[in-house]
Amino acid sequence: MTKRIVIAAVSAATLLAFSASAAYAQCGGASWYGPGFHGKTSASGEVFNQNAMTAAHRTLPFGTKVEVTDQSTGKSVEVTINDRGPFVGKRIIDLSKGAAAALGFQNKGVTSVCIAQR
């Protein structure tokens, strides 16, 4: 079995597990942002803090809390949606620098995640 097929199988299994216990579940790419936006107003009207556990999502309501799980490490964090995005490719969530650091992908820049509303 190739690596791509194994990852797809793990992704499907992870999404099914999330779907069974969450009101909303989605898997896909994640990136992070911070330094250029720190201290500026986010789409929700909050001042963006790159060290806070927050994220941008295209459609989830502001204030929604989601669990973000890195598919390669299994690490999870809870973040609050307070901004809109990402607007690059097929990414599904854009995490604050603090959330990316907690998941351990800050140096990579992007990773594959599953998110679940709790």
PDB file of N, CA and C in Angstrom:
ATOM      1  N   MET A   1       0.851  -1.182   0.000  1.00  0.00           N
ATOM      2  CA  MET A   1       0.000   0.000   0.000  1.00  0.00           C
ATOM      3  C   MET A   1       0.891   1.238   0.000  1.00  0.00           C
ATOM      4  N   THR A   2       0.593   2.198  -0.821  1.00  0.00           N
ATOM      5  CA  THR A   2       1.431   3.390  -0.894  1.00  0.00           C
ATOM      6  C   THR A   2       1.113   4.331   0.262  1.00  0.00           C
ATOM      7  N   LYS A   3       2.017   5.254   0.506  1.00  0.00           N
ATOM      8  CA  LYS A   3       1.856   6.232   1.581  1.00  0.00           C
ATOM      9  C   LYS A   3       0.588   7.061   1.368  1.00  0.00           C
ATOM     10  N   ARG A   4       0.305   7.453   0.133  1.00  0.00           N
ATOM     11  CA  ARG A   4      -0.861   8.283  -0.163  1.00  0.00           C
ATOM     12  C   ARG A   4      -2.154   7.536   0.198  1.00  0.00           C
ATOM     13  N   ILE A   5      -2.225   6.254  -0.123  1.00  0.00           N
ATOM     14  CA  ILE A   5      -3.423   5.463   0.183  1.00  0.00           C
ATOM     15  C   ILE A   5      -3.580   5.298   1.689  1.00  0.00           C
ATOM     16  N   VAL A   6      -2.485   5.065   2.385  1.00  0.00           N
ATOM     17  CA  VAL A   6      -2.541   4.922   3.838  1.00  0.00           C
ATOM     18  C   VAL A   6      -3.026   6.216   4.468  1.00  0.00           C
ATOM     19  N   ILE A   7      -2.480   7.352   4.032  1.00  0.00           N
ATOM     20  CA  ILE A   7      -2.896   8.647   4.574  1.00  0.00           C
ATOM     21  C   ILE A   7      -4.375   8.887   4.281  1.00  0.00           C
ATOM     22  N   ALA A   8      -4.832   8.560   3.082  1.00  0.00           N
ATOM     23  CA  ALA A   8      -6.246   8.743   2.746  1.00  0.00           C
ATOM     24  C   ALA A   8      -7.121   7.865   3.635  1.00  0.00           C
ATOM     25  N   ALA A   9      -6.695   6.653   3.903  1.00  0.00           N
ATOM     26  CA  ALA A   9      -7.468   5.753   4.763  1.00  0.00           C
ATOM     27  C   ALA A   9      -7.515   6.284   6.191  1.00  0.00           C
ATOM     28  N   VAL A  10      -6.380   6.772   6.682  1.00  0.00           N
ATOM     29  CA  VAL A  10      -6.341   7.349   8.024  1.00  0.00           C
ATOM     30  C   VAL A  10      -7.228   8.583   8.077  1.00  0.00           C
ATOM     31  N   SER A  11      -7.169   9.434   7.049  1.00  0.00           N
ATOM     32  CA  SER A  11      -7.994  10.639   7.013  1.00  0.00           C
ATOM     33  C   SER A  11      -9.478  10.292   7.041  1.00  0.00           C
ATOM     34  N   ALA A  12      -9.885   9.320   6.253  1.00  0.00           N
ATOM     35  CA  ALA A  12     -11.289   8.915   6.219  1.00  0.00           C
ATOM     36  C   ALA A  12     -11.721   8.357   7.569  1.00  0.00           C
ATOM     37  N   ALA A  13     -10.882   7.543   8.187  1.00  0.00           N
ATOM     38  CA  ALA A  13     -11.211   6.975   9.497  1.00  0.00           C
ATOM     39  C   ALA A  13     -11.293   8.073  10.552  1.00  0.00           C
ATOM     40  N   THR A  14     -10.372   9.028  10.492  1.00  0.00           N
ATOM     41  CA  THR A  14     -10.382  10.137  11.445  1.00  0.00           C
ATOM     42  C   THR A  14     -11.641  10.971  11.278  1.00  0.00           C
ATOM     43  N   LEU A  15     -12.014  11.272  10.038  1.00  0.00           N
ATOM     44  CA  LEU A  15     -13.217  12.055   9.787  1.00  0.00           C
ATOM     45  C   LEU A  15     -14.449  11.317  10.283  1.00  0.00           C
ATOM     46  N   LEU A  16     -14.524  10.012  10.070  1.00  0.00           N
ATOM     47  CA  LEU A  16     -15.670   9.236  10.558  1.00  0.00           C
ATOM     48  C   LEU A  16     -15.736   9.273  12.075  1.00  0.00           C
ATOM     49  N   ALA A  17     -14.602   9.152  12.742  1.00  0.00           N
ATOM     50  CA  ALA A  17     -14.576   9.209  14.198  1.00  0.00           C
ATOM     51  C   ALA A  17     -15.051  10.567  14.689  1.00  0.00           C
ATOM     52  N   PHE A  18     -14.571  11.654  14.044  1.00  0.00           N
ATOM     53  CA  PHE A  18     -15.005  12.995  14.420  1.00  0.00           C
ATOM     54  C   PHE A  18     -16.495  13.173  14.141  1.00  0.00           C
ATOM     55  N   SER A  19     -16.957  12.707  13.000  1.00  0.00           N
ATOM     56  CA  SER A  19     -18.349  12.897  12.605  1.00  0.00           C
ATOM     57  C   SER A  19     -19.311  12.263  13.591  1.00  0.00           C
ATOM     58  N   ALA A  20     -18.919  11.140  14.169  1.00  0.00           N
ATOM     59  CA  ALA A  20     -19.794  10.434  15.088  1.00  0.00           C
ATOM     60  C   ALA A  20     -20.016  11.209  16.378  1.00  0.00           C
ATOM     61  N   SER A  21     -19.046  12.044  16.775  1.00  0.00           N
ATOM     62  CA  SER A  21     -19.156  12.724  18.058  1.00  0.00           C
ATOM     63  C   SER A  21     -19.228  14.240  17.951  1.00  0.00           C
ATOM     64  N   ALA A  22     -19.174  14.798  16.772  1.00  0.00           N
ATOM     65  CA  ALA A  22     -19.134  16.248  16.623  1.00  0.00           C
ATOM     66  C   ALA A  22     -20.278  16.745  15.753  1.00  0.00           C
ATOM     67  N   ALA A  23     -20.689  17.986  16.020  1.00  0.00           N
ATOM     68  CA  ALA A  23     -21.746  18.608  15.229  1.00  0.00           C
ATOM     69  C   ALA A  23     -21.221  19.021  13.854  1.00  0.00           C
ATOM     70  N   TYR A  24     -19.914  19.208  13.730  1.00  0.00           N
ATOM     71  CA  TYR A  24     -19.297  19.645  12.483  1.00  0.00           C
ATOM     72  C   TYR A  24     -17.923  19.010  12.423  1.00  0.00           C
ATOM     73  N   ALA A  25     -17.564  18.428  11.299  1.00  0.00           N
ATOM     74  CA  ALA A  25     -16.228  17.841  11.145  1.00  0.00           C
ATOM     75  C   ALA A  25     -15.739  18.068   9.724  1.00  0.00           C
ATOM     76  N   GLN A  26     -14.422  18.290   9.597  1.00  0.00           N
ATOM     77  CA  GLN A  26     -13.825  18.554   8.298  1.00  0.00           C
ATOM     78  C   GLN A  26     -12.332  18.232   8.389  1.00  0.00           C
ATOM     79  N   CYS A  27     -11.777  17.653   7.353  1.00  0.00           N
ATOM     80  CA  CYS A  27     -10.343  17.382   7.290  1.00  0.00           C
ATOM     81  C   CYS A  27      -9.747  18.079   6.068  1.00  0.00           C
ATOM     82  N   GLY A  28      -8.528  18.551   6.209  1.00  0.00           N
ATOM     83  CA  GLY A  28      -7.856  19.218   5.104  1.00  0.00           C
ATOM     84  C   GLY A  28      -6.602  19.914   5.566  1.00  0.00           C
ATOM     85  N   GLY A  29      -6.131  20.854   4.771  1.00  0.00           N
ATOM     86  CA  GLY A  29      -4.895  21.562   5.067  1.00  0.00           C
ATOM     87  C   GLY A  29      -5.078  22.677   6.079  1.00  0.00           C
ATOM     88  N   ALA A  30      -4.017  22.902   6.848  1.00  0.00           N
ATOM     89  CA  ALA A  30      -3.985  24.002   7.819  1.00  0.00           C
ATOM     90  C   ALA A  30      -2.689  24.768   7.647  1.00  0.00           C
ATOM     91  N   SER A  31      -2.777  26.065   7.835  1.00  0.00           N
ATOM     92  CA  SER A  31      -1.608  26.929   7.834  1.00  0.00           C
ATOM     93  C   SER A  31      -1.704  27.796   9.087  1.00  0.00           C
ATOM     94  N   TRP A  32      -0.731  28.695   9.258  1.00  0.00           N
ATOM     95  CA  TRP A  32      -0.799  29.594  10.411  1.00  0.00           C
ATOM     96  C   TRP A  32      -0.404  31.009   9.992  1.00  0.00           C
ATOM     97  N   TYR A  33      -0.826  31.949  10.812  1.00  0.00           N
ATOM     98  CA  TYR A  33      -0.486  33.348  10.568  1.00  0.00           C
ATOM     99  C   TYR A  33      -0.273  34.050  11.892  1.00  0.00           C
ATOM    100  N   GLY A  34       0.374  35.194  11.871  1.00  0.00           N
ATOM    101  CA  GLY A  34       0.619  35.874  13.123  1.00  0.00           C
ATOM    102  C   GLY A  34       1.316  37.204  13.011  1.00  0.00           C
ATOM    103  N   PRO A  35       2.647  37.207  12.820  1.00  0.00           N
ATOM    104  CA  PRO A  35       3.419  38.440  12.976  1.00  0.00           C
ATOM    105  C   PRO A  35       2.886  39.660  12.227  1.00  0.00           C
ATOM    106  N   GLY A  36       2.487  39.535  10.996  1.00  0.00           N
ATOM    107  CA  GLY A  36       2.003  40.690  10.243  1.00  0.00           C
ATOM    108  C   GLY A  36       0.619  41.164  10.640  1.00  0.00           C
ATOM    109  N   PHE A  37      -0.099  40.348  11.417  1.00  0.00           N
ATOM    110  CA  PHE A  37      -1.472  40.673  11.794  1.00  0.00           C
ATOM    111  C   PHE A  37      -1.625  40.951  13.286  1.00  0.00           C
ATOM    112  N   HIS A  38      -0.590  40.678  14.068  1.00  0.00           N
ATOM    113  CA  HIS A  38      -0.647  40.860  15.519  1.00  0.00           C
ATOM    114  C   HIS A  38      -1.013  42.299  15.871  1.00  0.00           C
ATOM    115  N   GLY A  39      -2.034  42.457  16.691  1.00  0.00           N
ATOM    116  CA  GLY A  39      -2.469  43.787  17.115  1.00  0.00           C
ATOM    117  C   GLY A  39      -3.473  44.449  16.195  1.00  0.00           C
ATOM    118  N   LYS A  40      -3.735  43.833  15.048  1.00  0.00           N
ATOM    119  CA  LYS A  40      -4.715  44.389  14.118  1.00  0.00           C
ATOM    120  C   LYS A  40      -6.089  43.789  14.387  1.00  0.00           C
ATOM    121  N   THR A  41      -7.115  44.423  13.879  1.00  0.00           N
ATOM    122  CA  THR A  41      -8.481  43.954  14.096  1.00  0.00           C
ATOM    123  C   THR A  41      -8.799  42.785  13.171  1.00  0.00           C
ATOM    124  N   SER A  42      -9.319  41.713  13.753  1.00  0.00           N
ATOM    125  CA  SER A  42      -9.718  40.543  12.964  1.00  0.00           C
ATOM    126  C   SER A  42     -11.122  40.777  12.405  1.00  0.00           C
ATOM    127  N   ALA A  43     -11.583  39.864  11.569  1.00  0.00           N
ATOM    128  CA  ALA A  43     -12.905  40.001  10.951  1.00  0.00           C
ATOM    129  C   ALA A  43     -14.033  40.034  11.981  1.00  0.00           C
ATOM    130  N   SER A  44     -13.811  39.444  13.153  1.00  0.00           N
ATOM    131  CA  SER A  44     -14.837  39.432  14.199  1.00  0.00           C
ATOM    132  C   SER A  44     -14.893  40.747  14.967  1.00  0.00           C
ATOM    133  N   GLY A  45     -13.886  41.598  14.759  1.00  0.00           N
ATOM    134  CA  GLY A  45     -13.804  42.852  15.497  1.00  0.00           C
ATOM    135  C   GLY A  45     -12.843  42.775  16.672  1.00  0.00           C
ATOM    136  N   GLU A  46     -12.390  41.558  17.010  1.00  0.00           N
ATOM    137  CA  GLU A  46     -11.410  41.388  18.085  1.00  0.00           C
ATOM    138  C   GLU A  46     -10.029  41.809  17.600  1.00  0.00           C
ATOM    139  N   VAL A  47      -9.210  42.238  18.540  1.00  0.00           N
ATOM    140  CA  VAL A  47      -7.815  42.515  18.217  1.00  0.00           C
ATOM    141  C   VAL A  47      -7.103  41.169  18.158  1.00  0.00           C
ATOM    142  N   PHE A  48      -6.399  40.920  17.048  1.00  0.00           N
ATOM    143  CA  PHE A  48      -5.732  39.640  16.859  1.00  0.00           C
ATOM    144  C   PHE A  48      -4.496  39.538  17.731  1.00  0.00           C
ATOM    145  N   ASN A  49      -4.402  38.440  18.471  1.00  0.00           N
ATOM    146  CA  ASN A  49      -3.236  38.131  19.303  1.00  0.00           C
ATOM    147  C   ASN A  49      -2.627  36.853  18.741  1.00  0.00           C
ATOM    148  N   GLN A  50      -1.455  36.946  18.144  1.00  0.00           N
ATOM    149  CA  GLN A  50      -0.839  35.786  17.507  1.00  0.00           C
ATOM    150  C   GLN A  50      -0.522  34.661  18.488  1.00  0.00           C
ATOM    151  N   ASN A  51      -0.471  34.966  19.786  1.00  0.00           N
ATOM    152  CA  ASN A  51      -0.151  33.958  20.792  1.00  0.00           C
ATOM    153  C   ASN A  51      -1.384  33.296  21.394  1.00  0.00           C
ATOM    154  N   ALA A  52      -2.563  33.787  21.057  1.00  0.00           N
ATOM    155  CA  ALA A  52      -3.808  33.222  21.577  1.00  0.00           C
ATOM    156  C   ALA A  52      -4.163  31.961  20.794  1.00  0.00           C
ATOM    157  N   MET A  53      -5.090  31.185  21.316  1.00  0.00           N
ATOM    158  CA  MET A  53      -5.534  29.955  20.661  1.00  0.00           C
ATOM    159  C   MET A  53      -6.766  30.274  19.823  1.00  0.00           C
ATOM    160  N   THR A  54      -6.524  30.881  18.659  1.00  0.00           N
ATOM    161  CA  THR A  54      -7.596  31.308  17.769  1.00  0.00           C
ATOM    162  C   THR A  54      -7.330  30.822  16.355  1.00  0.00           C
ATOM    163  N   ALA A  55      -8.331  30.999  15.487  1.00  0.00           N
ATOM    164  CA  ALA A  55      -8.184  30.543  14.106  1.00  0.00           C
ATOM    165  C   ALA A  55      -9.139  31.289  13.193  1.00  0.00           C
ATOM    166  N   ALA A  56      -8.813  31.213  11.901  1.00  0.00           N
ATOM    167  CA  ALA A  56      -9.676  31.748  10.854  1.00  0.00           C
ATOM    168  C   ALA A  56     -10.299  30.579  10.100  1.00  0.00           C
ATOM    169  N   HIS A  57     -11.592  30.694   9.818  1.00  0.00           N
ATOM    170  CA  HIS A  57     -12.317  29.687   9.035  1.00  0.00           C
ATOM    171  C   HIS A  57     -13.243  30.442   8.094  1.00  0.00           C
ATOM    172  N   ARG A  58     -13.494  29.873   6.925  1.00  0.00           N
ATOM    173  CA  ARG A  58     -14.310  30.575   5.925  1.00  0.00           C
ATOM    174  C   ARG A  58     -15.765  30.739   6.332  1.00  0.00           C
ATOM    175  N   THR A  59     -16.355  29.751   7.020  1.00  0.00           N
ATOM    176  CA  THR A  59     -17.807  29.795   7.240  1.00  0.00           C
ATOM    177  C   THR A  59     -18.283  29.627   8.678  1.00  0.00           C
ATOM    178  N   LEU A  60     -17.494  29.017   9.555  1.00  0.00           N
ATOM    179  CA  LEU A  60     -17.976  28.798  10.924  1.00  0.00           C
ATOM    180  C   LEU A  60     -18.217  30.134  11.625  1.00  0.00           C
ATOM    181  N   PRO A  61     -19.273  30.219  12.431  1.00  0.00           N
ATOM    182  CA  PRO A  61     -19.570  31.477  13.131  1.00  0.00           C
ATOM    183  C   PRO A  61     -18.450  31.885  14.086  1.00  0.00           C
ATOM    184  N   PHE A  62     -18.257  33.193  14.230  1.00  0.00           N
ATOM    185  CA  PHE A  62     -17.283  33.701  15.199  1.00  0.00           C
ATOM    186  C   PHE A  62     -17.671  33.206  16.586  1.00  0.00           C
ATOM    187  N   GLY A  63     -16.669  32.850  17.375  1.00  0.00           N
ATOM    188  CA  GLY A  63     -16.900  32.342  18.722  1.00  0.00           C
ATOM    189  C   GLY A  63     -17.015  30.827  18.787  1.00  0.00           C
ATOM    190  N   THR A  64     -17.120  30.165  17.627  1.00  0.00           N
ATOM    191  CA  THR A  64     -17.203  28.711  17.607  1.00  0.00           C
ATOM    192  C   THR A  64     -15.884  28.124  18.091  1.00  0.00           C
ATOM    193  N   LYS A  65     -15.973  27.140  18.986  1.00  0.00           N
ATOM    194  CA  LYS A  65     -14.787  26.439  19.461  1.00  0.00           C
ATOM    195  C   LYS A  65     -14.663  25.138  18.694  1.00  0.00           C
ATOM    196  N   VAL A  66     -13.467  24.884  18.164  1.00  0.00           N
ATOM    197  CA  VAL A  66     -13.212  23.651  17.435  1.00  0.00           C
ATOM    198  C   VAL A  66     -11.948  22.989  17.966  1.00  0.00           C
ATOM    199  N   GLU A  67     -11.966  21.667  17.926  1.00  0.00           N
ATOM    200  CA  GLU A  67     -10.769  20.901  18.244  1.00  0.00           C
ATOM    201  C   GLU A  67     -10.052  20.645  16.931  1.00  0.00           C
ATOM    202  N   VAL A  68      -8.772  20.971  16.900  1.00  0.00           N
ATOM    203  CA  VAL A  68      -7.942  20.785  15.704  1.00  0.00           C
ATOM    204  C   VAL A  68      -6.931  19.697  16.033  1.00  0.00           C
ATOM    205  N   THR A  69      -6.939  18.624  15.223  1.00  0.00           N
ATOM    206  CA  THR A  69      -6.022  17.510  15.433  1.00  0.00           C
ATOM    207  C   THR A  69      -5.101  17.369  14.232  1.00  0.00           C
ATOM    208  N   ASP A  70      -3.802  17.416  14.486  1.00  0.00           N
ATOM    209  CA  ASP A  70      -2.799  17.229  13.432  1.00  0.00           C
ATOM    210  C   ASP A  70      -2.779  15.746  13.078  1.00  0.00           C
ATOM    211  N   GLN A  71      -3.032  15.433  11.824  1.00  0.00           N
ATOM    212  CA  GLN A  71      -3.125  14.049  11.394  1.00  0.00           C
ATOM    213  C   GLN A  71      -1.789  13.318  11.442  1.00  0.00           C
ATOM    214  N   SER A  72      -0.674  14.030  11.342  1.00  0.00           N
ATOM    215  CA  SER A  72       0.621  13.346  11.345  1.00  0.00           C
ATOM    216  C   SER A  72       1.140  13.057  12.745  1.00  0.00           C
ATOM    217  N   THR A  73       0.707  13.841  13.746  1.00  0.00           N
ATOM    218  CA  THR A  73       1.217  13.656  15.108  1.00  0.00           C
ATOM    219  C   THR A  73       0.150  13.207  16.104  1.00  0.00           C
ATOM    220  N   GLY A  74      -1.110  13.457  15.790  1.00  0.00           N
ATOM    221  CA  GLY A  74      -2.187  13.138  16.727  1.00  0.00           C
ATOM    222  C   GLY A  74      -2.392  14.194  17.799  1.00  0.00           C
ATOM    223  N   LYS A  75      -1.560  15.242  17.823  1.00  0.00           N
ATOM    224  CA  LYS A  75      -1.713  16.324  18.804  1.00  0.00           C
ATOM    225  C   LYS A  75      -2.972  17.117  18.493  1.00  0.00           C
ATOM    226  N   SER A  76      -3.657  17.574  19.561  1.00  0.00           N
ATOM    227  CA  SER A  76      -4.882  18.354  19.399  1.00  0.00           C
ATOM    228  C   SER A  76      -4.824  19.623  20.236  1.00  0.00           C
ATOM    229  N   VAL A  77      -5.495  20.663  19.745  1.00  0.00           N
ATOM    230  CA  VAL A  77      -5.685  21.902  20.497  1.00  0.00           C
ATOM    231  C   VAL A  77      -7.110  22.382  20.258  1.00  0.00           C
ATOM    232  N   GLU A  78      -7.620  23.154  21.206  1.00  0.00           N
ATOM    233  CA  GLU A  78      -8.923  23.787  21.018  1.00  0.00           C
ATOM    234  C   GLU A  78      -8.681  25.253  20.688  1.00  0.00           C
ATOM    235  N   VAL A  79      -9.327  25.729  19.637  1.00  0.00           N
ATOM    236  CA  VAL A  79      -9.204  27.124  19.230  1.00  0.00           C
ATOM    237  C   VAL A  79     -10.593  27.732  19.074  1.00  0.00           C
ATOM    238  N   THR A  80     -10.630  29.051  19.100  1.00  0.00           N
ATOM    239  CA  THR A  80     -11.870  29.789  18.896  1.00  0.00           C
ATOM    240  C   THR A  80     -11.785  30.509  17.556  1.00  0.00           C
ATOM    241  N   ILE A  81     -12.830  30.381  16.749  1.00  0.00           N
ATOM    242  CA  ILE A  81     -12.868  31.050  15.449  1.00  0.00           C
ATOM    243  C   ILE A  81     -13.137  32.538  15.667  1.00  0.00           C
ATOM    244  N   ASN A  82     -12.208  33.387  15.192  1.00  0.00           N
ATOM    245  CA  ASN A  82     -12.397  34.837  15.340  1.00  0.00           C
ATOM    246  C   ASN A  82     -12.005  35.614  14.087  1.00  0.00           C
ATOM    247  N   ASP A  83     -11.769  34.881  12.984  1.00  0.00           N
ATOM    248  CA  ASP A  83     -11.342  35.562  11.764  1.00  0.00           C
ATOM    249  C   ASP A  83     -11.807  34.754  10.552  1.00  0.00           C
ATOM    250  N   ARG A  84     -11.682  35.320   9.374  1.00  0.00           N
ATOM    251  CA  ARG A  84     -12.063  34.647   8.123  1.00  0.00           C
ATOM    252  C   ARG A  84     -10.819  34.253   7.336  1.00  0.00           C
ATOM    253  N   GLY A  85     -10.907  33.160   6.657  1.00  0.00           N
ATOM    254  CA  GLY A  85      -9.816  32.632   5.858  1.00  0.00           C
ATOM    255  C   GLY A  85      -9.770  31.134   6.075  1.00  0.00           C
ATOM    256  N   PRO A  86      -8.789  30.448   5.616  1.00  0.00           N
ATOM    257  CA  PRO A  86      -7.728  30.913   4.730  1.00  0.00           C
ATOM    258  C   PRO A  86      -8.226  31.060   3.298  1.00  0.00           C
ATOM    259  N   PHE A  87      -7.531  31.835   2.543  1.00  0.00           N
ATOM    260  CA  PHE A  87      -7.921  32.089   1.158  1.00  0.00           C
ATOM    261  C   PHE A  87      -6.845  31.625   0.182  1.00  0.00           C
ATOM    262  N   VAL A  88      -6.102  30.603   0.576  1.00  0.00           N
ATOM    263  CA  VAL A  88      -5.038  30.030  -0.249  1.00  0.00           C
ATOM    264  C   VAL A  88      -5.344  28.561  -0.490  1.00  0.00           C
ATOM    265  N   GLY A  89      -5.452  28.177  -1.724  1.00  0.00           N
ATOM    266  CA  GLY A  89      -5.646  26.769  -2.072  1.00  0.00           C
ATOM    267  C   GLY A  89      -6.846  26.127  -1.409  1.00  0.00           C
ATOM    268  N   LYS A  90      -6.650  24.890  -1.011  1.00  0.00           N
ATOM    269  CA  LYS A  90      -7.736  24.117  -0.403  1.00  0.00           C
ATOM    270  C   LYS A  90      -7.594  24.010   1.112  1.00  0.00           C
ATOM    271  N   ARG A  91      -6.886  24.921   1.711  1.00  0.00           N
ATOM    272  CA  ARG A  91      -6.740  24.902   3.171  1.00  0.00           C
ATOM    273  C   ARG A  91      -8.091  25.168   3.824  1.00  0.00           C
ATOM    274  N   ILE A  92      -8.323  24.517   4.968  1.00  0.00           N
ATOM    275  CA  ILE A  92      -9.620  24.650   5.635  1.00  0.00           C
ATOM    276  C   ILE A  92      -9.581  25.534   6.865  1.00  0.00           C
ATOM    277  N   ILE A  93      -8.377  25.756   7.416  1.00  0.00           N
ATOM    278  CA  ILE A  93      -8.267  26.568   8.632  1.00  0.00           C
ATOM    279  C   ILE A  93      -6.907  27.239   8.665  1.00  0.00           C
ATOM    280  N   ASP A  94      -6.882  28.418   9.229  1.00  0.00           N
ATOM    281  CA  ASP A  94      -5.656  29.196   9.389  1.00  0.00           C
ATOM    282  C   ASP A  94      -5.516  29.462  10.885  1.00  0.00           C
ATOM    283  N   LEU A  95      -4.532  28.854  11.519  1.00  0.00           N
ATOM    284  CA  LEU A  95      -4.370  28.940  12.965  1.00  0.00           C
ATOM    285  C   LEU A  95      -3.466  30.099  13.366  1.00  0.00           C
ATOM    286  N   SER A  96      -3.667  30.580  14.581  1.00  0.00           N
ATOM    287  CA  SER A  96      -2.747  31.579  15.118  1.00  0.00           C
ATOM    288  C   SER A  96      -1.382  30.927  15.315  1.00  0.00           C
ATOM    289  N   LYS A  97      -0.366  31.749  15.423  1.00  0.00           N
ATOM    290  CA  LYS A  97       0.998  31.259  15.638  1.00  0.00           C
ATOM    291  C   LYS A  97       1.058  30.395  16.901  1.00  0.00           C
ATOM    292  N   GLY A  98       0.361  30.814  17.948  1.00  0.00           N
ATOM    293  CA  GLY A  98       0.354  30.064  19.207  1.00  0.00           C
ATOM    294  C   GLY A  98      -0.243  28.673  19.053  1.00  0.00           C
ATOM    295  N   ALA A  99      -1.328  28.571  18.292  1.00  0.00           N
ATOM    296  CA  ALA A  99      -1.961  27.266  18.068  1.00  0.00           C
ATOM    297  C   ALA A  99      -1.064  26.370  17.222  1.00  0.00           C
ATOM    298  N   ALA A 100      -0.413  26.951  16.214  1.00  0.00           N
ATOM    299  CA  ALA A 100       0.506  26.178  15.368  1.00  0.00           C
ATOM    300  C   ALA A 100       1.691  25.671  16.190  1.00  0.00           C
ATOM    301  N   ALA A 101       2.191  26.507  17.086  1.00  0.00           N
ATOM    302  CA  ALA A 101       3.302  26.095  17.942  1.00  0.00           C
ATOM    303  C   ALA A 101       2.869  24.960  18.874  1.00  0.00           C
ATOM    304  N   ALA A 102       1.659  25.050  19.414  1.00  0.00           N
ATOM    305  CA  ALA A 102       1.158  24.002  20.308  1.00  0.00           C
ATOM    306  C   ALA A 102       1.008  22.668  19.576  1.00  0.00           C
ATOM    307  N   LEU A 103       0.639  22.730  18.299  1.00  0.00           N
ATOM    308  CA  LEU A 103       0.528  21.507  17.497  1.00  0.00           C
ATOM    309  C   LEU A 103       1.889  21.031  16.991  1.00  0.00           C
ATOM    310  N   GLY A 104       2.878  21.912  16.999  1.00  0.00           N
ATOM    311  CA  GLY A 104       4.222  21.540  16.603  1.00  0.00           C
ATOM    312  C   GLY A 104       4.521  21.655  15.124  1.00  0.00           C
ATOM    313  N   PHE A 105       3.735  22.457  14.373  1.00  0.00           N
ATOM    314  CA  PHE A 105       4.016  22.584  12.943  1.00  0.00           C
ATOM    315  C   PHE A 105       4.416  23.997  12.543  1.00  0.00           C
ATOM    316  N   GLN A 106       4.734  24.834  13.505  1.00  0.00           N
ATOM    317  CA  GLN A 106       5.101  26.217  13.206  1.00  0.00           C
ATOM    318  C   GLN A 106       6.270  26.290  12.222  1.00  0.00           C
ATOM    319  N   ASN A 107       7.255  25.436  12.353  1.00  0.00           N
ATOM    320  CA  ASN A 107       8.418  25.481  11.457  1.00  0.00           C
ATOM    321  C   ASN A 107       8.113  24.920  10.075  1.00  0.00           C
ATOM    322  N   LYS A 108       7.122  24.030   9.965  1.00  0.00           N
ATOM    323  CA  LYS A 108       6.741  23.471   8.666  1.00  0.00           C
ATOM    324  C   LYS A 108       5.867  24.437   7.876  1.00  0.00           C
ATOM    325  N   GLY A 109       5.047  25.211   8.563  1.00  0.00           N
ATOM    326  CA  GLY A 109       4.168  26.167   7.892  1.00  0.00           C
ATOM    327  C   GLY A 109       2.785  25.640   7.584  1.00  0.00           C
ATOM    328  N   VAL A 110       2.690  24.401   7.125  1.00  0.00           N
ATOM    329  CA  VAL A 110       1.391  23.795   6.824  1.00  0.00           C
ATOM    330  C   VAL A 110       1.384  22.345   7.307  1.00  0.00           C
ATOM    331  N   THR A 111       0.187  21.824   7.539  1.00  0.00           N
ATOM    332  CA  THR A 111       0.016  20.433   7.944  1.00  0.00           C
ATOM    333  C   THR A 111      -1.389  19.988   7.578  1.00  0.00           C
ATOM    334  N   SER A 112      -1.656  18.712   7.711  1.00  0.00           N
ATOM    335  CA  SER A 112      -3.002  18.172   7.487  1.00  0.00           C
ATOM    336  C   SER A 112      -3.680  17.980   8.838  1.00  0.00           C
ATOM    337  N   VAL A 113      -4.910  18.460   8.947  1.00  0.00           N
ATOM    338  CA  VAL A 113      -5.646  18.386  10.199  1.00  0.00           C
ATOM    339  C   VAL A 113      -7.080  17.908   9.973  1.00  0.00           C
ATOM    340  N   CYS A 114      -7.701  17.529  11.067  1.00  0.00           N
ATOM    341  CA  CYS A 114      -9.161  17.369  11.105  1.00  0.00           C
ATOM    342  C   CYS A 114      -9.648  18.321  12.179  1.00  0.00           C
ATOM    343  N   ILE A 115     -10.767  18.978  11.902  1.00  0.00           N
ATOM    344  CA  ILE A 115     -11.345  19.879  12.893  1.00  0.00           C
ATOM    345  C   ILE A 115     -12.741  19.380  13.235  1.00  0.00           C
ATOM    346  N   ALA A 116     -13.109  19.557  14.502  1.00  0.00           N
ATOM    347  CA  ALA A 116     -14.419  19.126  14.977  1.00  0.00           C
ATOM    348  C   ALA A 116     -14.963  20.166  15.935  1.00  0.00           C
ATOM    349  N   GLN A 117     -16.188  20.578  15.697  1.00  0.00           N
ATOM    350  CA  GLN A 117     -16.849  21.521  16.597  1.00  0.00           C
ATOM    351  C   GLN A 117     -17.246  20.757  17.844  1.00  0.00           C
ATOM    352  N   ARG A 118     -17.026  21.347  18.990  1.00  0.00           N
ATOM    353  CA  ARG A 118     -17.371  20.688  20.260  1.00  0.00           C
ATOM    354  C   ARG A 118     -18.449  21.435  20.978  1.00  0.00           C
TER     355      ARG A 118
END
